[in-house]
Amino acid sequence: MLIDASLLPRPPQRVMAGVVHLPGFLGMDTQAALVEQARLIARSVAGTPVAMRRPAVGNGQMKAYLMSLGWFWATNPYRLVKKVDGYPVPPVPENFQEIADDVLRAAREVDAQVGESIAVETALVNYYPPGAGMGMHVDSEERADNPVVSLSIGDEIVFRIEGEDVLLMSGDALVFGGPARRARHGVMGARGGTGPQGTGLTEGRINITMRQVE
């Protein structure tokens, strides 16, 4: 008999030095509001060079759809830019900073090594269709060493960082900073049909990652 993971106790966890998992950090109302906010931004830039897209990486293409805020994450070669073909990148919404501050405050109570603060200068809103993941990589385009704040909404996914696996469920927050800021990490395929009702997503997963650039 399979056990529903959502019914098991899920306390805050120090995964490794500088990495903290905060299960169920976002309430359902906040998750739904973030999904709707992402949709509105995506619609506002649809059909432009800064629209949500599946980036080309090397000779292939990502399975996830990415939308850049604040700074645009360009590929081939990797770099951060403020405009694409004259189109400005959508700004980071003001509420992202408040959420990041709250997440970091809670994470520091679990492991102070995550870092003190972050000025949210850029954010990626990634949509993972069922089965889609992202290969192992290092977030190295930002010059700042401030922590990364990550939010998960929708289907479950396994986050892997330096050989450690963490099951991320809808509403979870995760922080990596300090000694883990440049750690290799990635996500396995989103588990279709595992997201709760009420987020505004019928399938797949949205991941919001917030970073400081300068």
N, C-alpha and C. Protein backbone atom coordinates (compact mmCIF):
# COMPACT_ATOMS: atom_id res chain seq x y z
N MET A 1 0.85 -1.19 0.00
CA MET A 1 0.00 0.00 0.00
C MET A 1 0.88 1.25 0.00
N LEU A 2 0.65 2.16 -0.95
CA LEU A 2 1.43 3.37 -1.02
C LEU A 2 0.94 4.37 0.02
N ILE A 3 1.88 5.10 0.62
CA ILE A 3 1.55 6.10 1.63
C ILE A 3 1.58 7.48 0.99
N ASP A 4 0.56 8.27 1.23
CA ASP A 4 0.49 9.63 0.72
C ASP A 4 1.52 10.47 1.47
N ALA A 5 2.55 10.94 0.73
CA ALA A 5 3.63 11.69 1.37
C ALA A 5 3.13 12.96 2.03
N SER A 6 2.02 13.53 1.53
CA SER A 6 1.52 14.78 2.10
C SER A 6 0.96 14.59 3.49
N LEU A 7 0.68 13.34 3.90
CA LEU A 7 0.13 13.07 5.22
C LEU A 7 1.21 12.82 6.27
N LEU A 8 2.47 12.70 5.82
CA LEU A 8 3.57 12.45 6.75
C LEU A 8 4.07 13.77 7.35
N PRO A 9 4.61 13.71 8.58
CA PRO A 9 5.19 14.92 9.17
C PRO A 9 6.33 15.44 8.29
N ARG A 10 6.36 16.75 8.08
CA ARG A 10 7.38 17.33 7.22
C ARG A 10 7.94 18.58 7.90
N PRO A 11 8.78 18.41 8.90
CA PRO A 11 9.35 19.57 9.60
C PRO A 11 10.42 20.25 8.76
N PRO A 12 10.75 21.51 9.06
CA PRO A 12 11.88 22.16 8.39
C PRO A 12 13.14 21.32 8.52
N GLN A 13 13.96 21.32 7.48
CA GLN A 13 15.11 20.42 7.43
C GLN A 13 16.35 21.12 6.91
N ARG A 14 17.47 20.91 7.60
CA ARG A 14 18.78 21.32 7.08
C ARG A 14 19.29 20.16 6.23
N VAL A 15 19.28 20.34 4.94
CA VAL A 15 19.66 19.27 4.01
C VAL A 15 21.17 19.05 4.05
N MET A 16 21.92 20.14 4.05
CA MET A 16 23.37 20.15 4.16
C MET A 16 23.74 21.58 4.51
N ALA A 17 25.00 21.82 4.77
CA ALA A 17 25.42 23.17 5.17
C ALA A 17 25.00 24.20 4.11
N GLY A 18 24.18 25.16 4.52
CA GLY A 18 23.73 26.21 3.62
C GLY A 18 22.47 25.90 2.84
N VAL A 19 21.88 24.72 3.02
CA VAL A 19 20.67 24.32 2.29
C VAL A 19 19.57 23.99 3.28
N VAL A 20 18.45 24.69 3.19
CA VAL A 20 17.33 24.48 4.11
C VAL A 20 16.04 24.28 3.31
N HIS A 21 15.28 23.26 3.70
CA HIS A 21 13.99 22.94 3.10
C HIS A 21 12.90 23.33 4.09
N LEU A 22 11.93 24.13 3.63
CA LEU A 22 10.82 24.59 4.47
C LEU A 22 9.52 24.07 3.87
N PRO A 23 9.07 22.88 4.28
CA PRO A 23 7.84 22.30 3.71
C PRO A 23 6.60 23.13 4.05
N GLY A 24 5.69 23.23 3.09
CA GLY A 24 4.41 23.89 3.33
C GLY A 24 4.51 25.34 3.75
N PHE A 25 5.53 26.04 3.29
CA PHE A 25 5.74 27.43 3.73
C PHE A 25 4.67 28.36 3.16
N LEU A 26 4.24 28.12 1.94
CA LEU A 26 3.25 28.99 1.29
C LEU A 26 1.85 28.41 1.46
N GLY A 27 0.92 29.22 1.97
CA GLY A 27 -0.47 28.80 2.06
C GLY A 27 -1.10 28.72 0.68
N MET A 28 -2.25 28.05 0.59
CA MET A 28 -2.89 27.85 -0.71
C MET A 28 -3.28 29.17 -1.36
N ASP A 29 -3.75 30.14 -0.58
CA ASP A 29 -4.13 31.43 -1.16
C ASP A 29 -2.92 32.12 -1.80
N THR A 30 -1.77 32.04 -1.12
CA THR A 30 -0.56 32.65 -1.66
C THR A 30 -0.11 31.93 -2.93
N GLN A 31 -0.19 30.61 -2.93
CA GLN A 31 0.19 29.86 -4.12
C GLN A 31 -0.67 30.25 -5.31
N ALA A 32 -1.98 30.31 -5.10
CA ALA A 32 -2.90 30.65 -6.19
C ALA A 32 -2.64 32.07 -6.69
N ALA A 33 -2.34 32.98 -5.76
CA ALA A 33 -2.07 34.36 -6.15
C ALA A 33 -0.79 34.46 -6.98
N LEU A 34 0.23 33.69 -6.62
CA LEU A 34 1.48 33.70 -7.37
C LEU A 34 1.29 33.11 -8.77
N VAL A 35 0.48 32.07 -8.89
CA VAL A 35 0.20 31.49 -10.20
C VAL A 35 -0.51 32.50 -11.09
N GLU A 36 -1.51 33.16 -10.55
CA GLU A 36 -2.25 34.15 -11.33
C GLU A 36 -1.35 35.33 -11.71
N GLN A 37 -0.50 35.75 -10.78
CA GLN A 37 0.43 36.83 -11.06
C GLN A 37 1.38 36.46 -12.20
N ALA A 38 1.89 35.23 -12.17
CA ALA A 38 2.77 34.76 -13.24
C ALA A 38 2.05 34.74 -14.58
N ARG A 39 0.80 34.30 -14.58
CA ARG A 39 0.03 34.26 -15.82
C ARG A 39 -0.14 35.66 -16.41
N LEU A 40 -0.46 36.63 -15.57
CA LEU A 40 -0.67 37.99 -16.04
C LEU A 40 0.61 38.56 -16.66
N ILE A 41 1.75 38.30 -16.00
CA ILE A 41 3.02 38.79 -16.54
C ILE A 41 3.32 38.10 -17.86
N ALA A 42 3.12 36.78 -17.91
CA ALA A 42 3.40 36.03 -19.14
C ALA A 42 2.55 36.54 -20.30
N ARG A 43 1.28 36.84 -20.03
CA ARG A 43 0.41 37.35 -21.09
C ARG A 43 0.87 38.73 -21.57
N SER A 44 1.41 39.53 -20.64
CA SER A 44 1.80 40.89 -20.99
C SER A 44 3.01 40.93 -21.93
N VAL A 45 3.81 39.86 -21.94
CA VAL A 45 5.00 39.83 -22.80
C VAL A 45 4.92 38.75 -23.87
N ALA A 46 3.76 38.13 -24.00
CA ALA A 46 3.60 37.07 -25.02
C ALA A 46 3.88 37.62 -26.41
N GLY A 47 4.61 36.84 -27.19
CA GLY A 47 4.92 37.24 -28.55
C GLY A 47 6.11 38.17 -28.69
N THR A 48 6.76 38.50 -27.58
CA THR A 48 7.95 39.36 -27.61
C THR A 48 9.19 38.52 -27.34
N PRO A 49 10.39 39.08 -27.54
CA PRO A 49 11.62 38.32 -27.28
C PRO A 49 11.84 37.98 -25.80
N VAL A 50 11.06 38.61 -24.89
CA VAL A 50 11.22 38.30 -23.46
C VAL A 50 10.07 37.44 -22.95
N ALA A 51 9.34 36.80 -23.86
CA ALA A 51 8.23 35.94 -23.48
C ALA A 51 8.73 34.68 -22.79
N MET A 52 7.82 34.01 -22.07
CA MET A 52 8.14 32.69 -21.51
C MET A 52 8.48 31.76 -22.67
N ARG A 53 9.56 30.97 -22.49
CA ARG A 53 10.03 30.17 -23.61
C ARG A 53 10.74 28.93 -23.11
N ARG A 54 11.01 28.01 -24.04
CA ARG A 54 11.87 26.86 -23.77
C ARG A 54 13.23 27.19 -24.37
N PRO A 55 14.21 27.58 -23.54
CA PRO A 55 15.50 28.04 -24.06
C PRO A 55 16.27 26.94 -24.77
N ALA A 56 17.03 27.35 -25.76
CA ALA A 56 17.99 26.46 -26.40
C ALA A 56 19.23 26.39 -25.53
N VAL A 57 19.70 25.18 -25.27
CA VAL A 57 20.90 24.98 -24.46
C VAL A 57 21.82 24.07 -25.25
N GLY A 58 22.98 24.59 -25.63
CA GLY A 58 23.87 23.79 -26.48
C GLY A 58 23.16 23.47 -27.79
N ASN A 59 23.11 22.19 -28.13
CA ASN A 59 22.43 21.75 -29.34
C ASN A 59 21.02 21.27 -29.08
N GLY A 60 20.55 21.40 -27.84
CA GLY A 60 19.23 20.91 -27.49
C GLY A 60 18.31 22.04 -27.02
N GLN A 61 17.22 21.63 -26.40
CA GLN A 61 16.24 22.59 -25.90
C GLN A 61 15.69 22.09 -24.58
N MET A 62 15.52 22.99 -23.64
CA MET A 62 14.99 22.62 -22.33
C MET A 62 13.55 22.11 -22.45
N LYS A 63 13.18 21.23 -21.53
CA LYS A 63 11.79 20.77 -21.47
C LYS A 63 10.92 21.73 -20.67
N ALA A 64 11.54 22.50 -19.79
CA ALA A 64 10.82 23.47 -18.99
C ALA A 64 10.69 24.80 -19.73
N TYR A 65 9.64 25.55 -19.40
CA TYR A 65 9.43 26.89 -19.94
C TYR A 65 9.91 27.90 -18.90
N LEU A 66 10.70 28.89 -19.34
CA LEU A 66 11.29 29.87 -18.42
C LEU A 66 10.82 31.27 -18.77
N MET A 67 10.54 32.06 -17.73
CA MET A 67 10.25 33.48 -17.90
C MET A 67 11.15 34.26 -16.94
N SER A 68 11.90 35.20 -17.48
CA SER A 68 12.85 35.99 -16.70
C SER A 68 12.23 37.30 -16.25
N LEU A 69 12.53 37.68 -15.01
CA LEU A 69 12.09 38.94 -14.45
C LEU A 69 13.30 39.70 -13.92
N GLY A 70 13.32 41.00 -14.13
CA GLY A 70 14.45 41.80 -13.64
C GLY A 70 15.64 41.77 -14.58
N TRP A 71 16.20 40.61 -14.75
CA TRP A 71 17.27 40.35 -15.72
C TRP A 71 16.86 39.14 -16.54
N PHE A 72 17.26 39.12 -17.82
CA PHE A 72 16.91 38.02 -18.72
C PHE A 72 18.05 37.01 -18.74
N TRP A 73 17.71 35.74 -18.48
CA TRP A 73 18.70 34.68 -18.52
C TRP A 73 18.82 34.19 -19.96
N ALA A 74 19.89 34.61 -20.63
CA ALA A 74 20.12 34.24 -22.02
C ALA A 74 21.08 33.05 -22.09
N THR A 75 20.96 32.28 -23.17
CA THR A 75 21.79 31.07 -23.33
C THR A 75 22.61 31.18 -24.61
N ASN A 76 23.60 30.30 -24.68
CA ASN A 76 24.46 30.20 -25.88
C ASN A 76 25.07 31.54 -26.30
N PRO A 77 25.90 32.19 -25.52
CA PRO A 77 26.42 31.74 -24.22
C PRO A 77 25.52 32.22 -23.07
N TYR A 78 25.71 31.60 -21.88
CA TYR A 78 24.95 32.01 -20.71
C TYR A 78 25.36 33.41 -20.29
N ARG A 79 24.35 34.25 -20.02
CA ARG A 79 24.61 35.61 -19.56
C ARG A 79 23.30 36.22 -19.08
N LEU A 80 23.39 37.29 -18.32
CA LEU A 80 22.22 38.03 -17.86
C LEU A 80 22.20 39.39 -18.56
N VAL A 81 21.06 39.75 -19.15
CA VAL A 81 20.93 41.02 -19.87
C VAL A 81 19.65 41.71 -19.44
N LYS A 82 19.60 43.03 -19.64
CA LYS A 82 18.44 43.84 -19.25
C LYS A 82 17.41 43.99 -20.36
N LYS A 83 17.86 43.84 -21.62
CA LYS A 83 16.97 43.96 -22.77
C LYS A 83 17.28 42.86 -23.78
N VAL A 84 16.28 42.49 -24.55
CA VAL A 84 16.46 41.53 -25.64
C VAL A 84 15.86 42.15 -26.90
N ASP A 85 16.71 42.42 -27.87
CA ASP A 85 16.26 43.05 -29.12
C ASP A 85 15.46 44.31 -28.86
N GLY A 86 15.89 45.07 -27.86
CA GLY A 86 15.24 46.33 -27.53
C GLY A 86 14.07 46.22 -26.58
N TYR A 87 13.63 45.01 -26.25
CA TYR A 87 12.51 44.82 -25.34
C TYR A 87 13.01 44.72 -23.90
N PRO A 88 12.51 45.56 -23.00
CA PRO A 88 12.94 45.48 -21.60
C PRO A 88 12.38 44.23 -20.92
N VAL A 89 13.16 43.70 -20.00
CA VAL A 89 12.73 42.53 -19.23
C VAL A 89 11.67 42.98 -18.22
N PRO A 90 10.59 42.21 -18.02
CA PRO A 90 9.60 42.59 -17.02
C PRO A 90 10.24 42.74 -15.64
N PRO A 91 9.81 43.72 -14.85
CA PRO A 91 10.41 43.90 -13.52
C PRO A 91 10.01 42.80 -12.55
N VAL A 92 10.79 42.65 -11.50
CA VAL A 92 10.44 41.73 -10.42
C VAL A 92 9.30 42.35 -9.62
N PRO A 93 8.19 41.63 -9.41
CA PRO A 93 7.09 42.18 -8.61
C PRO A 93 7.54 42.52 -7.18
N GLU A 94 6.96 43.56 -6.61
CA GLU A 94 7.37 44.02 -5.28
C GLU A 94 7.15 42.96 -4.20
N ASN A 95 6.11 42.14 -4.35
CA ASN A 95 5.81 41.15 -3.30
C ASN A 95 6.86 40.05 -3.21
N PHE A 96 7.67 39.89 -4.26
CA PHE A 96 8.71 38.85 -4.22
C PHE A 96 9.72 39.13 -3.10
N GLN A 97 10.06 40.40 -2.91
CA GLN A 97 11.04 40.73 -1.87
C GLN A 97 10.52 40.36 -0.48
N GLU A 98 9.26 40.65 -0.22
CA GLU A 98 8.68 40.32 1.08
C GLU A 98 8.67 38.82 1.32
N ILE A 99 8.31 38.06 0.28
CA ILE A 99 8.30 36.60 0.41
C ILE A 99 9.71 36.09 0.66
N ALA A 100 10.69 36.60 -0.10
CA ALA A 100 12.08 36.16 0.08
C ALA A 100 12.57 36.46 1.49
N ASP A 101 12.23 37.64 2.01
CA ASP A 101 12.65 38.00 3.38
C ASP A 101 12.06 37.03 4.39
N ASP A 102 10.78 36.69 4.22
CA ASP A 102 10.12 35.77 5.16
C ASP A 102 10.75 34.38 5.09
N VAL A 103 11.02 33.91 3.87
CA VAL A 103 11.63 32.59 3.71
C VAL A 103 13.01 32.55 4.36
N LEU A 104 13.82 33.56 4.09
CA LEU A 104 15.18 33.58 4.63
C LEU A 104 15.18 33.67 6.16
N ARG A 105 14.25 34.44 6.69
CA ARG A 105 14.15 34.55 8.15
C ARG A 105 13.89 33.16 8.77
N ALA A 106 12.97 32.42 8.16
CA ALA A 106 12.66 31.08 8.67
C ALA A 106 13.83 30.13 8.44
N ALA A 107 14.50 30.24 7.30
CA ALA A 107 15.62 29.34 6.99
C ALA A 107 16.80 29.55 7.93
N ARG A 108 17.06 30.80 8.31
CA ARG A 108 18.18 31.07 9.21
C ARG A 108 17.97 30.46 10.59
N GLU A 109 16.72 30.27 10.97
CA GLU A 109 16.44 29.61 12.25
C GLU A 109 16.84 28.14 12.22
N VAL A 110 16.92 27.58 11.03
CA VAL A 110 17.31 26.18 10.86
C VAL A 110 18.81 26.06 10.64
N ASP A 111 19.38 26.95 9.83
CA ASP A 111 20.81 26.93 9.54
C ASP A 111 21.25 28.34 9.17
N ALA A 112 22.00 28.97 10.05
CA ALA A 112 22.45 30.35 9.82
C ALA A 112 23.39 30.45 8.62
N GLN A 113 23.93 29.32 8.17
CA GLN A 113 24.87 29.35 7.05
C GLN A 113 24.21 29.66 5.71
N VAL A 114 22.88 29.70 5.65
CA VAL A 114 22.22 30.03 4.38
C VAL A 114 22.54 31.46 3.94
N GLY A 115 22.86 32.33 4.88
CA GLY A 115 23.17 33.72 4.53
C GLY A 115 22.17 34.68 5.11
N GLU A 116 22.55 35.94 5.13
CA GLU A 116 21.77 36.94 5.85
C GLU A 116 20.60 37.51 5.06
N SER A 117 20.83 37.91 3.84
CA SER A 117 19.79 38.65 3.13
C SER A 117 19.95 38.50 1.62
N ILE A 118 18.93 38.96 0.91
CA ILE A 118 18.96 38.97 -0.55
C ILE A 118 18.15 40.17 -1.03
N ALA A 119 18.71 40.92 -1.96
CA ALA A 119 17.95 41.94 -2.68
C ALA A 119 17.49 41.27 -3.97
N VAL A 120 16.19 41.05 -4.10
CA VAL A 120 15.67 40.29 -5.24
C VAL A 120 15.75 41.16 -6.50
N GLU A 121 16.83 40.99 -7.24
CA GLU A 121 17.06 41.76 -8.46
C GLU A 121 16.64 40.99 -9.72
N THR A 122 16.55 39.68 -9.59
CA THR A 122 16.09 38.87 -10.72
C THR A 122 15.34 37.66 -10.19
N ALA A 123 14.42 37.16 -10.99
CA ALA A 123 13.68 35.95 -10.63
C ALA A 123 13.39 35.18 -11.91
N LEU A 124 13.41 33.86 -11.80
CA LEU A 124 12.99 32.99 -12.89
C LEU A 124 11.68 32.33 -12.50
N VAL A 125 10.71 32.41 -13.38
CA VAL A 125 9.45 31.68 -13.20
C VAL A 125 9.48 30.54 -14.20
N ASN A 126 9.67 29.33 -13.71
CA ASN A 126 9.80 28.16 -14.56
C ASN A 126 8.53 27.32 -14.50
N TYR A 127 8.04 26.89 -15.66
CA TYR A 127 6.91 25.97 -15.70
C TYR A 127 7.40 24.62 -16.19
N TYR A 128 7.15 23.58 -15.39
CA TYR A 128 7.55 22.21 -15.73
C TYR A 128 6.29 21.41 -16.07
N PRO A 129 6.06 21.05 -17.33
CA PRO A 129 4.99 20.13 -17.64
C PRO A 129 5.26 18.78 -16.98
N PRO A 130 4.24 17.94 -16.82
CA PRO A 130 4.48 16.62 -16.22
C PRO A 130 5.62 15.89 -16.94
N GLY A 131 6.54 15.36 -16.16
CA GLY A 131 7.68 14.63 -16.70
C GLY A 131 8.90 15.48 -16.99
N ALA A 132 8.74 16.79 -17.01
CA ALA A 132 9.86 17.68 -17.34
C ALA A 132 10.71 17.94 -16.10
N GLY A 133 12.02 18.03 -16.30
CA GLY A 133 12.95 18.36 -15.23
C GLY A 133 14.00 19.32 -15.74
N MET A 134 15.10 19.42 -15.00
CA MET A 134 16.22 20.26 -15.43
C MET A 134 17.51 19.61 -14.97
N GLY A 135 18.47 19.51 -15.88
CA GLY A 135 19.72 18.83 -15.59
C GLY A 135 20.56 19.54 -14.53
N MET A 136 21.57 18.84 -14.05
CA MET A 136 22.45 19.40 -13.03
C MET A 136 23.22 20.60 -13.58
N HIS A 137 23.27 21.65 -12.78
CA HIS A 137 23.93 22.88 -13.22
C HIS A 137 24.34 23.70 -12.00
N VAL A 138 25.05 24.77 -12.24
CA VAL A 138 25.47 25.71 -11.19
C VAL A 138 24.97 27.09 -11.55
N ASP A 139 24.35 27.78 -10.60
CA ASP A 139 23.92 29.16 -10.83
C ASP A 139 25.12 30.08 -10.67
N SER A 140 25.73 30.45 -11.78
CA SER A 140 26.99 31.19 -11.69
C SER A 140 26.98 32.51 -12.45
N GLU A 141 25.86 32.87 -13.09
CA GLU A 141 25.83 34.11 -13.86
C GLU A 141 25.77 35.34 -12.95
N GLU A 142 25.20 35.18 -11.74
CA GLU A 142 25.11 36.31 -10.82
C GLU A 142 26.47 36.56 -10.16
N ARG A 143 26.84 37.82 -10.02
CA ARG A 143 28.10 38.15 -9.35
C ARG A 143 27.97 38.06 -7.83
N ALA A 144 26.77 38.28 -7.32
CA ALA A 144 26.55 38.24 -5.88
C ALA A 144 26.55 36.81 -5.36
N ASP A 145 27.01 36.66 -4.12
CA ASP A 145 27.01 35.34 -3.47
C ASP A 145 25.86 35.19 -2.47
N ASN A 146 24.88 36.09 -2.54
CA ASN A 146 23.72 35.99 -1.64
C ASN A 146 22.92 34.73 -1.96
N PRO A 147 22.13 34.24 -0.99
CA PRO A 147 21.43 32.97 -1.19
C PRO A 147 20.36 33.02 -2.27
N VAL A 148 20.01 31.85 -2.77
CA VAL A 148 18.92 31.67 -3.72
C VAL A 148 17.69 31.20 -2.96
N VAL A 149 16.55 31.82 -3.24
CA VAL A 149 15.28 31.43 -2.62
C VAL A 149 14.40 30.80 -3.69
N SER A 150 13.90 29.60 -3.43
CA SER A 150 13.13 28.84 -4.41
C SER A 150 11.76 28.48 -3.84
N LEU A 151 10.71 28.66 -4.65
CA LEU A 151 9.34 28.34 -4.26
C LEU A 151 8.76 27.32 -5.23
N SER A 152 8.01 26.35 -4.72
CA SER A 152 7.41 25.30 -5.54
C SER A 152 5.89 25.34 -5.44
N ILE A 153 5.23 25.24 -6.60
CA ILE A 153 3.76 25.22 -6.65
C ILE A 153 3.34 24.17 -7.68
N GLY A 154 2.41 23.29 -7.27
CA GLY A 154 1.89 22.29 -8.20
C GLY A 154 2.45 20.91 -7.96
N ASP A 155 2.77 20.20 -9.04
CA ASP A 155 3.20 18.80 -8.94
C ASP A 155 4.50 18.65 -8.14
N GLU A 156 4.62 17.50 -7.50
CA GLU A 156 5.83 17.16 -6.76
C GLU A 156 7.02 16.98 -7.70
N ILE A 157 8.20 17.22 -7.17
CA ILE A 157 9.42 17.02 -7.94
C ILE A 157 10.55 16.71 -6.97
N VAL A 158 11.56 15.99 -7.41
CA VAL A 158 12.73 15.72 -6.59
C VAL A 158 13.83 16.69 -6.95
N PHE A 159 14.28 17.46 -5.97
CA PHE A 159 15.39 18.40 -6.12
C PHE A 159 16.65 17.70 -5.67
N ARG A 160 17.69 17.75 -6.48
CA ARG A 160 18.96 17.08 -6.15
C ARG A 160 20.07 18.13 -6.07
N ILE A 161 20.80 18.12 -4.96
CA ILE A 161 21.91 19.05 -4.81
C ILE A 161 23.10 18.31 -4.21
N GLU A 162 24.17 18.25 -4.96
CA GLU A 162 25.41 17.58 -4.52
C GLU A 162 25.13 16.18 -3.94
N GLY A 163 24.27 15.42 -4.63
CA GLY A 163 24.00 14.05 -4.23
C GLY A 163 22.89 13.88 -3.20
N GLU A 164 22.37 14.96 -2.66
CA GLU A 164 21.27 14.89 -1.70
C GLU A 164 19.95 15.14 -2.42
N ASP A 165 18.94 14.29 -2.16
CA ASP A 165 17.63 14.42 -2.78
C ASP A 165 16.61 14.97 -1.79
N VAL A 166 15.78 15.91 -2.26
CA VAL A 166 14.73 16.50 -1.45
C VAL A 166 13.43 16.47 -2.25
N LEU A 167 12.37 15.91 -1.67
CA LEU A 167 11.06 15.91 -2.32
C LEU A 167 10.41 17.28 -2.08
N LEU A 168 10.18 18.01 -3.17
CA LEU A 168 9.52 19.31 -3.08
C LEU A 168 8.07 19.16 -3.48
N MET A 169 7.19 19.62 -2.60
CA MET A 169 5.76 19.55 -2.84
C MET A 169 5.19 20.96 -2.93
N SER A 170 3.95 21.07 -3.34
CA SER A 170 3.34 22.37 -3.53
C SER A 170 3.33 23.17 -2.23
N GLY A 171 3.82 24.40 -2.31
CA GLY A 171 3.90 25.26 -1.13
C GLY A 171 5.23 25.25 -0.44
N ASP A 172 6.13 24.36 -0.85
CA ASP A 172 7.45 24.27 -0.20
C ASP A 172 8.35 25.43 -0.63
N ALA A 173 9.23 25.82 0.29
CA ALA A 173 10.29 26.78 -0.02
C ALA A 173 11.62 26.10 0.24
N LEU A 174 12.64 26.49 -0.49
CA LEU A 174 13.98 25.95 -0.31
C LEU A 174 14.98 27.08 -0.50
N VAL A 175 16.02 27.07 0.32
CA VAL A 175 17.07 28.09 0.24
C VAL A 175 18.42 27.39 0.13
N PHE A 176 19.28 27.88 -0.77
CA PHE A 176 20.67 27.44 -0.72
C PHE A 176 21.58 28.65 -0.85
N GLY A 177 22.53 28.72 0.08
CA GLY A 177 23.44 29.85 0.13
C GLY A 177 24.69 29.47 0.89
N GLY A 178 25.50 30.47 1.25
CA GLY A 178 26.72 30.19 1.99
C GLY A 178 27.59 29.21 1.26
N PRO A 179 28.01 28.12 1.92
CA PRO A 179 28.89 27.14 1.28
C PRO A 179 28.25 26.38 0.13
N ALA A 180 26.91 26.47 0.02
CA ALA A 180 26.20 25.74 -1.04
C ALA A 180 25.72 26.65 -2.17
N ARG A 181 26.10 27.92 -2.13
CA ARG A 181 25.58 28.86 -3.13
C ARG A 181 25.93 28.45 -4.56
N ARG A 182 27.10 27.91 -4.78
CA ARG A 182 27.51 27.50 -6.13
C ARG A 182 27.49 25.98 -6.28
N ALA A 183 26.66 25.32 -5.49
CA ALA A 183 26.57 23.86 -5.55
C ALA A 183 25.84 23.41 -6.82
N ARG A 184 26.21 22.26 -7.35
CA ARG A 184 25.52 21.69 -8.50
C ARG A 184 24.16 21.16 -8.05
N HIS A 185 23.13 21.47 -8.83
CA HIS A 185 21.79 21.05 -8.46
C HIS A 185 20.93 20.91 -9.72
N GLY A 186 19.80 20.24 -9.57
CA GLY A 186 18.87 20.05 -10.67
C GLY A 186 17.60 19.43 -10.14
N VAL A 187 16.62 19.21 -11.01
CA VAL A 187 15.37 18.58 -10.59
C VAL A 187 15.03 17.44 -11.54
N MET A 188 14.47 16.37 -10.97
CA MET A 188 14.02 15.24 -11.76
C MET A 188 12.67 15.59 -12.39
N GLY A 189 12.07 14.69 -13.13
CA GLY A 189 10.81 14.98 -13.81
C GLY A 189 9.66 15.24 -12.86
N ALA A 190 8.86 16.27 -13.15
CA ALA A 190 7.68 16.58 -12.34
C ALA A 190 6.71 15.39 -12.38
N ARG A 191 6.18 15.05 -11.21
CA ARG A 191 5.31 13.88 -11.08
C ARG A 191 3.87 14.30 -11.37
N GLY A 192 3.41 14.02 -12.57
CA GLY A 192 2.07 14.43 -12.98
C GLY A 192 0.98 13.92 -12.06
N GLY A 193 -0.02 14.76 -11.81
CA GLY A 193 -1.17 14.37 -11.00
C GLY A 193 -0.96 14.44 -9.51
N THR A 194 0.17 14.99 -9.06
CA THR A 194 0.45 15.03 -7.62
C THR A 194 0.19 16.41 -7.01
N GLY A 195 -0.14 17.39 -7.84
CA GLY A 195 -0.39 18.72 -7.31
C GLY A 195 -1.78 18.83 -6.67
N PRO A 196 -1.92 19.63 -5.63
CA PRO A 196 -3.22 19.78 -4.97
C PRO A 196 -4.16 20.67 -5.76
N GLN A 197 -5.43 20.59 -5.46
CA GLN A 197 -6.40 21.50 -6.05
C GLN A 197 -6.30 22.86 -5.36
N GLY A 198 -6.63 23.90 -6.10
CA GLY A 198 -6.66 25.23 -5.50
C GLY A 198 -5.52 26.12 -5.86
N THR A 199 -4.48 25.58 -6.55
CA THR A 199 -3.34 26.42 -6.91
C THR A 199 -3.60 27.22 -8.19
N GLY A 200 -4.58 26.78 -8.96
CA GLY A 200 -4.80 27.40 -10.27
C GLY A 200 -4.11 26.65 -11.39
N LEU A 201 -3.33 25.62 -11.06
CA LEU A 201 -2.68 24.79 -12.06
C LEU A 201 -3.48 23.51 -12.24
N THR A 202 -3.74 23.13 -13.48
CA THR A 202 -4.42 21.86 -13.73
C THR A 202 -3.42 20.72 -13.84
N GLU A 203 -2.17 21.06 -14.18
CA GLU A 203 -1.11 20.06 -14.23
C GLU A 203 0.24 20.78 -14.21
N GLY A 204 1.28 20.01 -13.96
CA GLY A 204 2.63 20.57 -13.98
C GLY A 204 2.99 21.32 -12.71
N ARG A 205 4.11 22.01 -12.79
CA ARG A 205 4.69 22.67 -11.62
C ARG A 205 5.27 24.02 -12.01
N ILE A 206 5.07 24.99 -11.15
CA ILE A 206 5.73 26.28 -11.28
C ILE A 206 6.78 26.40 -10.19
N ASN A 207 7.97 26.82 -10.58
CA ASN A 207 9.05 27.08 -9.64
C ASN A 207 9.49 28.53 -9.82
N ILE A 208 9.56 29.25 -8.71
CA ILE A 208 10.02 30.64 -8.74
C ILE A 208 11.33 30.70 -7.96
N THR A 209 12.41 31.11 -8.62
CA THR A 209 13.69 31.27 -7.93
C THR A 209 14.09 32.73 -7.95
N MET A 210 14.48 33.22 -6.79
CA MET A 210 14.82 34.64 -6.61
C MET A 210 16.29 34.76 -6.27
N ARG A 211 16.95 35.75 -6.90
CA ARG A 211 18.40 35.90 -6.73
C ARG A 211 18.79 37.37 -6.68
N GLN A 212 19.95 37.62 -6.11
CA GLN A 212 20.60 38.92 -6.20
C GLN A 212 21.67 38.83 -7.27
N VAL A 213 21.80 39.87 -8.07
CA VAL A 213 22.75 39.85 -9.20
C VAL A 213 24.04 40.60 -8.87
N GLU A 214 23.89 41.84 -8.46
CA GLU A 214 25.08 42.70 -8.24
C GLU A 214 25.70 42.44 -6.88
